[in-house]
Amino acid sequence: LLIGLAMLLGSLGGRAFHRLRIPKVVGYMAVGLFV
């Protein structure tokens, strides 16, 4: 469940940050901090 949640939210977070012109990797780590 944690792996699935991490991948799903990580993907969504990466896309959201990318739209803000911030590298996706920052979004992945931000989601990790949250989750």
PDB file of all heavy atoms in Angstrom:
ATOM      1  N   LEU A   1       0.825  -1.199   0.000  1.00  0.00           N
ATOM      2  CA  LEU A   1       0.000   0.000   0.000  1.00  0.00           C
ATOM      3  C   LEU A   1       0.865   1.259   0.000  1.00  0.00           C
ATOM      4  O   LEU A   1       0.578   2.232  -0.715  1.00  0.00           O
ATOM      5  CB  LEU A   1      -0.926   0.000   1.216  1.00  0.00           C
ATOM      6  CG  LEU A   1      -2.157  -0.916   1.133  1.00  0.00           C
ATOM      7  CD1 LEU A   1      -2.844  -0.998   2.491  1.00  0.00           C
ATOM      8  CD2 LEU A   1      -3.125  -0.403   0.068  1.00  0.00           C
ATOM      9  N   LEU A   2       1.925   1.256   0.794  1.00  0.00           N
ATOM     10  CA  LEU A   2       2.830   2.396   0.850  1.00  0.00           C
ATOM     11  C   LEU A   2       3.544   2.607  -0.489  1.00  0.00           C
ATOM     12  O   LEU A   2       3.703   3.733  -0.955  1.00  0.00           O
ATOM     13  CB  LEU A   2       3.862   2.195   1.968  1.00  0.00           C
ATOM     14  CG  LEU A   2       3.346   2.379   3.398  1.00  0.00           C
ATOM     15  CD1 LEU A   2       4.425   1.990   4.406  1.00  0.00           C
ATOM     16  CD2 LEU A   2       2.937   3.837   3.627  1.00  0.00           C
ATOM     17  N   ILE A   3       3.980   1.506  -1.105  1.00  0.00           N
ATOM     18  CA  ILE A   3       4.651   1.607  -2.404  1.00  0.00           C
ATOM     19  C   ILE A   3       3.698   2.190  -3.449  1.00  0.00           C
ATOM     20  O   ILE A   3       4.057   3.093  -4.210  1.00  0.00           O
ATOM     21  CB  ILE A   3       5.173   0.231  -2.855  1.00  0.00           C
ATOM     22  CG1 ILE A   3       6.306  -0.239  -1.934  1.00  0.00           C
ATOM     23  CG2 ILE A   3       5.661   0.292  -4.300  1.00  0.00           C
ATOM     24  CD1 ILE A   3       6.765  -1.665  -2.212  1.00  0.00           C
ATOM     25  N   GLY A   4       2.473   1.662  -3.479  1.00  0.00           N
ATOM     26  CA  GLY A   4       1.490   2.164  -4.429  1.00  0.00           C
ATOM     27  C   GLY A   4       1.160   3.628  -4.198  1.00  0.00           C
ATOM     28  O   GLY A   4       1.076   4.417  -5.147  1.00  0.00           O
ATOM     29  N   LEU A   5       0.985   3.983  -2.929  1.00  0.00           N
ATOM     30  CA  LEU A   5       0.682   5.376  -2.586  1.00  0.00           C
ATOM     31  C   LEU A   5       1.841   6.289  -2.976  1.00  0.00           C
ATOM     32  O   LEU A   5       1.635   7.374  -3.531  1.00  0.00           O
ATOM     33  CB  LEU A   5       0.411   5.482  -1.083  1.00  0.00           C
ATOM     34  CG  LEU A   5      -0.048   6.847  -0.555  1.00  0.00           C
ATOM     35  CD1 LEU A   5      -1.441   7.173  -1.084  1.00  0.00           C
ATOM     36  CD2 LEU A   5      -0.043   6.849   0.969  1.00  0.00           C
ATOM     37  N   ALA A   6       3.066   5.835  -2.715  1.00  0.00           N
ATOM     38  CA  ALA A   6       4.241   6.643  -3.041  1.00  0.00           C
ATOM     39  C   ALA A   6       4.356   6.863  -4.540  1.00  0.00           C
ATOM     40  O   ALA A   6       4.615   7.990  -4.996  1.00  0.00           O
ATOM     41  CB  ALA A   6       5.503   5.960  -2.503  1.00  0.00           C
ATOM     42  N   MET A   7       4.151   5.808  -5.336  1.00  0.00           N
ATOM     43  CA  MET A   7       4.255   5.953  -6.792  1.00  0.00           C
ATOM     44  C   MET A   7       3.147   6.837  -7.344  1.00  0.00           C
ATOM     45  O   MET A   7       3.391   7.705  -8.195  1.00  0.00           O
ATOM     46  CB  MET A   7       4.203   4.574  -7.457  1.00  0.00           C
ATOM     47  CG  MET A   7       5.486   3.787  -7.371  1.00  0.00           C
ATOM     48  SD  MET A   7       5.419   2.341  -8.446  1.00  0.00           S
ATOM     49  CE  MET A   7       7.057   1.652  -8.161  1.00  0.00           C
ATOM     50  N   LEU A   8       1.917   6.620  -6.868  1.00  0.00           N
ATOM     51  CA  LEU A   8       0.773   7.376  -7.391  1.00  0.00           C
ATOM     52  C   LEU A   8       0.894   8.857  -7.054  1.00  0.00           C
ATOM     53  O   LEU A   8       0.830   9.721  -7.940  1.00  0.00           O
ATOM     54  CB  LEU A   8      -0.523   6.805  -6.822  1.00  0.00           C
ATOM     55  CG  LEU A   8      -1.819   7.499  -7.256  1.00  0.00           C
ATOM     56  CD1 LEU A   8      -1.977   7.424  -8.768  1.00  0.00           C
ATOM     57  CD2 LEU A   8      -3.021   6.885  -6.553  1.00  0.00           C
ATOM     58  N   LEU A   9       1.091   9.150  -5.763  1.00  0.00           N
ATOM     59  CA  LEU A   9       1.201  10.547  -5.358  1.00  0.00           C
ATOM     60  C   LEU A   9       2.479  11.190  -5.885  1.00  0.00           C
ATOM     61  O   LEU A   9       2.497  12.383  -6.209  1.00  0.00           O
ATOM     62  CB  LEU A   9       1.148  10.656  -3.830  1.00  0.00           C
ATOM     63  CG  LEU A   9      -0.183  10.256  -3.177  1.00  0.00           C
ATOM     64  CD1 LEU A   9      -0.107  10.445  -1.666  1.00  0.00           C
ATOM     65  CD2 LEU A   9      -1.333  11.068  -3.751  1.00  0.00           C
ATOM     66  N   GLY A  10       3.554  10.391  -5.964  1.00  0.00           N
ATOM     67  CA  GLY A  10       4.801  10.921  -6.508  1.00  0.00           C
ATOM     68  C   GLY A  10       4.637  11.357  -7.951  1.00  0.00           C
ATOM     69  O   GLY A  10       5.103  12.420  -8.361  1.00  0.00           O
ATOM     70  N   SER A  11       3.953  10.532  -8.739  1.00  0.00           N
ATOM     71  CA  SER A  11       3.705  10.882 -10.139  1.00  0.00           C
ATOM     72  C   SER A  11       2.874  12.153 -10.259  1.00  0.00           C
ATOM     73  O   SER A  11       3.186  13.050 -11.050  1.00  0.00           O
ATOM     74  CB  SER A  11       2.993   9.721 -10.838  1.00  0.00           C
ATOM     75  OG  SER A  11       2.708  10.041 -12.175  1.00  0.00           O
ATOM     76  N   LEU A  12       1.819  12.250  -9.449  1.00  0.00           N
ATOM     77  CA  LEU A  12       0.962  13.442  -9.479  1.00  0.00           C
ATOM     78  C   LEU A  12       1.723  14.678  -9.003  1.00  0.00           C
ATOM     79  O   LEU A  12       1.606  15.764  -9.574  1.00  0.00           O
ATOM     80  CB  LEU A  12      -0.279  13.212  -8.613  1.00  0.00           C
ATOM     81  CG  LEU A  12      -1.242  12.116  -9.093  1.00  0.00           C
ATOM     82  CD1 LEU A  12      -2.353  11.898  -8.073  1.00  0.00           C
ATOM     83  CD2 LEU A  12      -1.824  12.475 -10.460  1.00  0.00           C
ATOM     84  N   GLY A  13       2.518  14.497  -7.941  1.00  0.00           N
ATOM     85  CA  GLY A  13       3.301  15.620  -7.423  1.00  0.00           C
ATOM     86  C   GLY A  13       4.332  16.101  -8.419  1.00  0.00           C
ATOM     87  O   GLY A  13       4.547  17.310  -8.580  1.00  0.00           O
ATOM     88  N   GLY A  14       4.976  15.165  -9.113  1.00  0.00           N
ATOM     89  CA  GLY A  14       5.962  15.544 -10.116  1.00  0.00           C
ATOM     90  C   GLY A  14       5.339  16.356 -11.238  1.00  0.00           C
ATOM     91  O   GLY A  14       5.901  17.362 -11.691  1.00  0.00           O
ATOM     92  N   ARG A  15       4.149  15.933 -11.689  1.00  0.00           N
ATOM     93  CA  ARG A  15       3.467  16.669 -12.758  1.00  0.00           C
ATOM     94  C   ARG A  15       3.060  18.059 -12.289  1.00  0.00           C
ATOM     95  O   ARG A  15       3.172  19.037 -13.043  1.00  0.00           O
ATOM     96  CB  ARG A  15       2.226  15.895 -13.203  1.00  0.00           C
ATOM     97  CG  ARG A  15       2.520  14.588 -13.929  1.00  0.00           C
ATOM     98  CD  ARG A  15       1.235  13.881 -14.310  1.00  0.00           C
ATOM     99  NE  ARG A  15       1.491  12.564 -14.876  1.00  0.00           N
ATOM    100  CZ  ARG A  15       0.545  11.728 -15.257  1.00  0.00           C
ATOM    101  NH1 ARG A  15      -0.732  12.068 -15.128  1.00  0.00           N
ATOM    102  NH2 ARG A  15       0.856  10.538 -15.761  1.00  0.00           N
ATOM    103  N   ALA A  16       2.579  18.158 -11.049  1.00  0.00           N
ATOM    104  CA  ALA A  16       2.151  19.459 -10.523  1.00  0.00           C
ATOM    105  C   ALA A  16       3.334  20.425 -10.453  1.00  0.00           C
ATOM    106  O   ALA A  16       3.222  21.593 -10.848  1.00  0.00           O
ATOM    107  CB  ALA A  16       1.526  19.278  -9.140  1.00  0.00           C
ATOM    108  N   PHE A  17       4.471  19.948  -9.970  1.00  0.00           N
ATOM    109  CA  PHE A  17       5.651  20.811  -9.877  1.00  0.00           C
ATOM    110  C   PHE A  17       6.168  21.171 -11.263  1.00  0.00           C
ATOM    111  O   PHE A  17       6.672  22.277 -11.481  1.00  0.00           O
ATOM    112  CB  PHE A  17       6.743  20.126  -9.052  1.00  0.00           C
ATOM    113  CG  PHE A  17       6.602  20.347  -7.574  1.00  0.00           C
ATOM    114  CD1 PHE A  17       5.550  19.793  -6.863  1.00  0.00           C
ATOM    115  CD2 PHE A  17       7.518  21.113  -6.887  1.00  0.00           C
ATOM    116  CE1 PHE A  17       5.405  19.990  -5.504  1.00  0.00           C
ATOM    117  CE2 PHE A  17       7.392  21.328  -5.514  1.00  0.00           C
ATOM    118  CZ  PHE A  17       6.334  20.768  -4.822  1.00  0.00           C
ATOM    119  N   HIS A  18       6.056  20.230 -12.200  1.00  0.00           N
ATOM    120  CA  HIS A  18       6.525  20.498 -13.563  1.00  0.00           C
ATOM    121  C   HIS A  18       5.717  21.622 -14.203  1.00  0.00           C
ATOM    122  O   HIS A  18       6.266  22.462 -14.930  1.00  0.00           O
ATOM    123  CB  HIS A  18       6.401  19.222 -14.411  1.00  0.00           C
ATOM    124  CG  HIS A  18       6.929  19.366 -15.800  1.00  0.00           C
ATOM    125  ND1 HIS A  18       8.276  19.522 -16.083  1.00  0.00           N
ATOM    126  CD2 HIS A  18       6.295  19.385 -17.004  1.00  0.00           C
ATOM    127  CE1 HIS A  18       8.445  19.630 -17.390  1.00  0.00           C
ATOM    128  NE2 HIS A  18       7.262  19.558 -17.978  1.00  0.00           N
ATOM    129  N   ARG A  19       4.417  21.658 -13.927  1.00  0.00           N
ATOM    130  CA  ARG A  19       3.580  22.728 -14.462  1.00  0.00           C
ATOM    131  C   ARG A  19       3.959  24.082 -13.869  1.00  0.00           C
ATOM    132  O   ARG A  19       3.739  25.123 -14.488  1.00  0.00           O
ATOM    133  CB  ARG A  19       2.109  22.434 -14.167  1.00  0.00           C
ATOM    134  CG  ARG A  19       1.548  21.284 -14.999  1.00  0.00           C
ATOM    135  CD  ARG A  19       0.081  21.063 -14.711  1.00  0.00           C
ATOM    136  NE  ARG A  19      -0.454  19.993 -15.548  1.00  0.00           N
ATOM    137  CZ  ARG A  19      -1.709  19.572 -15.501  1.00  0.00           C
ATOM    138  NH1 ARG A  19      -2.563  20.131 -14.641  1.00  0.00           N
ATOM    139  NH2 ARG A  19      -2.122  18.599 -16.287  1.00  0.00           N
ATOM    140  N   LEU A  20       4.548  24.066 -12.661  1.00  0.00           N
ATOM    141  CA  LEU A  20       5.026  25.298 -12.038  1.00  0.00           C
ATOM    142  C   LEU A  20       6.447  25.628 -12.462  1.00  0.00           C
ATOM    143  O   LEU A  20       7.077  26.524 -11.898  1.00  0.00           O
ATOM    144  CB  LEU A  20       4.962  25.154 -10.507  1.00  0.00           C
ATOM    145  CG  LEU A  20       3.576  24.940  -9.904  1.00  0.00           C
ATOM    146  CD1 LEU A  20       3.688  24.644  -8.418  1.00  0.00           C
ATOM    147  CD2 LEU A  20       2.694  26.165 -10.149  1.00  0.00           C
ATOM    148  N   ARG A  21       6.959  24.874 -13.454  1.00  0.00           N
ATOM    149  CA  ARG A  21       8.324  25.035 -13.958  1.00  0.00           C
ATOM    150  C   ARG A  21       9.365  24.745 -12.882  1.00  0.00           C
ATOM    151  O   ARG A  21      10.431  25.383 -12.820  1.00  0.00           O
ATOM    152  CB  ARG A  21       8.524  26.440 -14.551  1.00  0.00           C
ATOM    153  CG  ARG A  21       7.620  26.712 -15.746  1.00  0.00           C
ATOM    154  CD  ARG A  21       7.965  28.032 -16.418  1.00  0.00           C
ATOM    155  NE  ARG A  21       7.110  28.272 -17.577  1.00  0.00           N
ATOM    156  CZ  ARG A  21       7.342  27.784 -18.790  1.00  0.00           C
ATOM    157  NH1 ARG A  21       8.403  27.028 -18.995  1.00  0.00           N
ATOM    158  NH2 ARG A  21       6.529  28.058 -19.796  1.00  0.00           N
ATOM    159  N   ILE A  22       9.037  23.802 -12.025  1.00  0.00           N
ATOM    160  CA  ILE A  22       9.966  23.296 -11.013  1.00  0.00           C
ATOM    161  C   ILE A  22      10.266  21.845 -11.375  1.00  0.00           C
ATOM    162  O   ILE A  22       9.350  21.102 -11.746  1.00  0.00           O
ATOM    163  CB  ILE A  22       9.339  23.375  -9.598  1.00  0.00           C
ATOM    164  CG1 ILE A  22       8.997  24.822  -9.255  1.00  0.00           C
ATOM    165  CG2 ILE A  22      10.284  22.794  -8.544  1.00  0.00           C
ATOM    166  CD1 ILE A  22       8.238  24.977  -7.954  1.00  0.00           C
ATOM    167  N   PRO A  23      11.532  21.406 -11.293  1.00  0.00           N
ATOM    168  CA  PRO A  23      11.852  20.019 -11.671  1.00  0.00           C
ATOM    169  C   PRO A  23      10.984  18.995 -10.942  1.00  0.00           C
ATOM    170  O   PRO A  23      10.672  19.146  -9.755  1.00  0.00           O
ATOM    171  CB  PRO A  23      13.327  19.878 -11.268  1.00  0.00           C
ATOM    172  CG  PRO A  23      13.865  21.266 -11.357  1.00  0.00           C
ATOM    173  CD  PRO A  23      12.736  22.168 -10.923  1.00  0.00           C
ATOM    174  N   LYS A  24      10.601  17.958 -11.659  1.00  0.00           N
ATOM    175  CA  LYS A  24       9.740  16.928 -11.091  1.00  0.00           C
ATOM    176  C   LYS A  24      10.352  16.295  -9.843  1.00  0.00           C
ATOM    177  O   LYS A  24       9.627  15.904  -8.928  1.00  0.00           O
ATOM    178  CB  LYS A  24       9.484  15.833 -12.130  1.00  0.00           C
ATOM    179  CG  LYS A  24       8.566  16.237 -13.271  1.00  0.00           C
ATOM    180  CD  LYS A  24       8.347  15.070 -14.225  1.00  0.00           C
ATOM    181  CE  LYS A  24       7.438  15.451 -15.370  1.00  0.00           C
ATOM    182  NZ  LYS A  24       7.233  14.314 -16.308  1.00  0.00           N
ATOM    183  N   VAL A  25      11.685  16.182  -9.824  1.00  0.00           N
ATOM    184  CA  VAL A  25      12.340  15.516  -8.706  1.00  0.00           C
ATOM    185  C   VAL A  25      12.032  16.221  -7.383  1.00  0.00           C
ATOM    186  O   VAL A  25      11.927  15.568  -6.333  1.00  0.00           O
ATOM    187  CB  VAL A  25      13.859  15.436  -8.956  1.00  0.00           C
ATOM    188  CG1 VAL A  25      14.493  16.805  -9.012  1.00  0.00           C
ATOM    189  CG2 VAL A  25      14.548  14.597  -7.887  1.00  0.00           C
ATOM    190  N   VAL A  26      11.849  17.550  -7.421  1.00  0.00           N
ATOM    191  CA  VAL A  26      11.484  18.288  -6.215  1.00  0.00           C
ATOM    192  C   VAL A  26      10.085  17.874  -5.764  1.00  0.00           C
ATOM    193  O   VAL A  26       9.818  17.713  -4.567  1.00  0.00           O
ATOM    194  CB  VAL A  26      11.554  19.806  -6.458  1.00  0.00           C
ATOM    195  CG1 VAL A  26      11.155  20.569  -5.197  1.00  0.00           C
ATOM    196  CG2 VAL A  26      12.947  20.216  -6.913  1.00  0.00           C
ATOM    197  N   GLY A  27       9.204  17.686  -6.736  1.00  0.00           N
ATOM    198  CA  GLY A  27       7.854  17.229  -6.409  1.00  0.00           C
ATOM    199  C   GLY A  27       7.854  15.839  -5.804  1.00  0.00           C
ATOM    200  O   GLY A  27       7.117  15.570  -4.843  1.00  0.00           O
ATOM    201  N   TYR A  28       8.687  14.944  -6.344  1.00  0.00           N
ATOM    202  CA  TYR A  28       8.775  13.589  -5.794  1.00  0.00           C
ATOM    203  C   TYR A  28       9.196  13.634  -4.323  1.00  0.00           C
ATOM    204  O   TYR A  28       8.608  12.957  -3.472  1.00  0.00           O
ATOM    205  CB  TYR A  28       9.790  12.753  -6.579  1.00  0.00           C
ATOM    206  CG  TYR A  28       9.494  12.591  -8.055  1.00  0.00           C
ATOM    207  CD1 TYR A  28      10.533  12.380  -8.970  1.00  0.00           C
ATOM    208  CD2 TYR A  28       8.199  12.646  -8.554  1.00  0.00           C
ATOM    209  CE1 TYR A  28      10.280  12.219 -10.328  1.00  0.00           C
ATOM    210  CE2 TYR A  28       7.935  12.497  -9.911  1.00  0.00           C
ATOM    211  CZ  TYR A  28       8.982  12.281 -10.795  1.00  0.00           C
ATOM    212  OH  TYR A  28       8.738  12.135 -12.131  1.00  0.00           O
ATOM    213  N   MET A  29      10.231  14.436  -4.037  1.00  0.00           N
ATOM    214  CA  MET A  29      10.736  14.487  -2.659  1.00  0.00           C
ATOM    215  C   MET A  29       9.756  15.175  -1.723  1.00  0.00           C
ATOM    216  O   MET A  29       9.628  14.803  -0.553  1.00  0.00           O
ATOM    217  CB  MET A  29      12.102  15.176  -2.633  1.00  0.00           C
ATOM    218  CG  MET A  29      13.205  14.328  -3.251  1.00  0.00           C
ATOM    219  SD  MET A  29      14.881  14.968  -2.980  1.00  0.00           S
ATOM    220  CE  MET A  29      14.888  16.327  -4.163  1.00  0.00           C
ATOM    221  N   ALA A  30       9.041  16.185  -2.251  1.00  0.00           N
ATOM    222  CA  ALA A  30       8.026  16.855  -1.425  1.00  0.00           C
ATOM    223  C   ALA A  30       6.908  15.884  -1.055  1.00  0.00           C
ATOM    224  O   ALA A  30       6.424  15.867   0.091  1.00  0.00           O
ATOM    225  CB  ALA A  30       7.464  18.057  -2.184  1.00  0.00           C
ATOM    226  N   VAL A  31       6.507  15.058  -2.007  1.00  0.00           N
ATOM    227  CA  VAL A  31       5.492  14.036  -1.725  1.00  0.00           C
ATOM    228  C   VAL A  31       6.029  13.033  -0.695  1.00  0.00           C
ATOM    229  O   VAL A  31       5.305  12.620   0.215  1.00  0.00           O
ATOM    230  CB  VAL A  31       5.085  13.309  -3.023  1.00  0.00           C
ATOM    231  CG1 VAL A  31       4.301  12.036  -2.717  1.00  0.00           C
ATOM    232  CG2 VAL A  31       4.254  14.236  -3.898  1.00  0.00           C
ATOM    233  N   GLY A  32       7.303  12.664  -0.825  1.00  0.00           N
ATOM    234  CA  GLY A  32       7.899  11.753   0.147  1.00  0.00           C
ATOM    235  C   GLY A  32       7.883  12.326   1.547  1.00  0.00           C
ATOM    236  O   GLY A  32       7.585  11.630   2.521  1.00  0.00           O
ATOM    237  N   LEU A  33       8.189  13.613   1.660  1.00  0.00           N
ATOM    238  CA  LEU A  33       8.159  14.273   2.964  1.00  0.00           C
ATOM    239  C   LEU A  33       6.753  14.263   3.537  1.00  0.00           C
ATOM    240  O   LEU A  33       6.548  13.998   4.731  1.00  0.00           O
ATOM    241  CB  LEU A  33       8.658  15.714   2.812  1.00  0.00           C
ATOM    242  CG  LEU A  33       8.722  16.559   4.079  1.00  0.00           C
ATOM    243  CD1 LEU A  33       9.728  15.979   5.066  1.00  0.00           C
ATOM    244  CD2 LEU A  33       9.090  17.998   3.738  1.00  0.00           C
ATOM    245  N   PHE A  34       5.764  14.513   2.683  1.00  0.00           N
ATOM    246  CA  PHE A  34       4.366  14.528   3.124  1.00  0.00           C
ATOM    247  C   PHE A  34       3.887  13.140   3.522  1.00  0.00           C
ATOM    248  O   PHE A  34       3.341  12.938   4.605  1.00  0.00           O
ATOM    249  CB  PHE A  34       3.489  15.098   2.006  1.00  0.00           C
ATOM    250  CG  PHE A  34       2.017  15.043   2.300  1.00  0.00           C
ATOM    251  CD1 PHE A  34       1.445  15.931   3.190  1.00  0.00           C
ATOM    252  CD2 PHE A  34       1.206  14.090   1.697  1.00  0.00           C
ATOM    253  CE1 PHE A  34       0.084  15.875   3.474  1.00  0.00           C
ATOM    254  CE2 PHE A  34      -0.147  14.031   1.963  1.00  0.00           C
ATOM    255  CZ  PHE A  34      -0.711  14.927   2.860  1.00  0.00           C
ATOM    256  N   VAL A  35       4.110  12.168   2.623  1.00  0.00           N
ATOM    257  CA  VAL A  35       3.641  10.806   2.888  1.00  0.00           C
ATOM    258  C   VAL A  35       4.409  10.183   4.038  1.00  0.00           C
ATOM    259  O   VAL A  35       3.845   9.459   4.868  1.00  0.00           O
ATOM    260  CB  VAL A  35       3.787   9.929   1.620  1.00  0.00           C
ATOM    261  CG1 VAL A  35       3.428   8.482   1.921  1.00  0.00           C
ATOM    262  CG2 VAL A  35       2.893  10.458   0.513  1.00  0.00           C
TER     263      VAL A  35
END
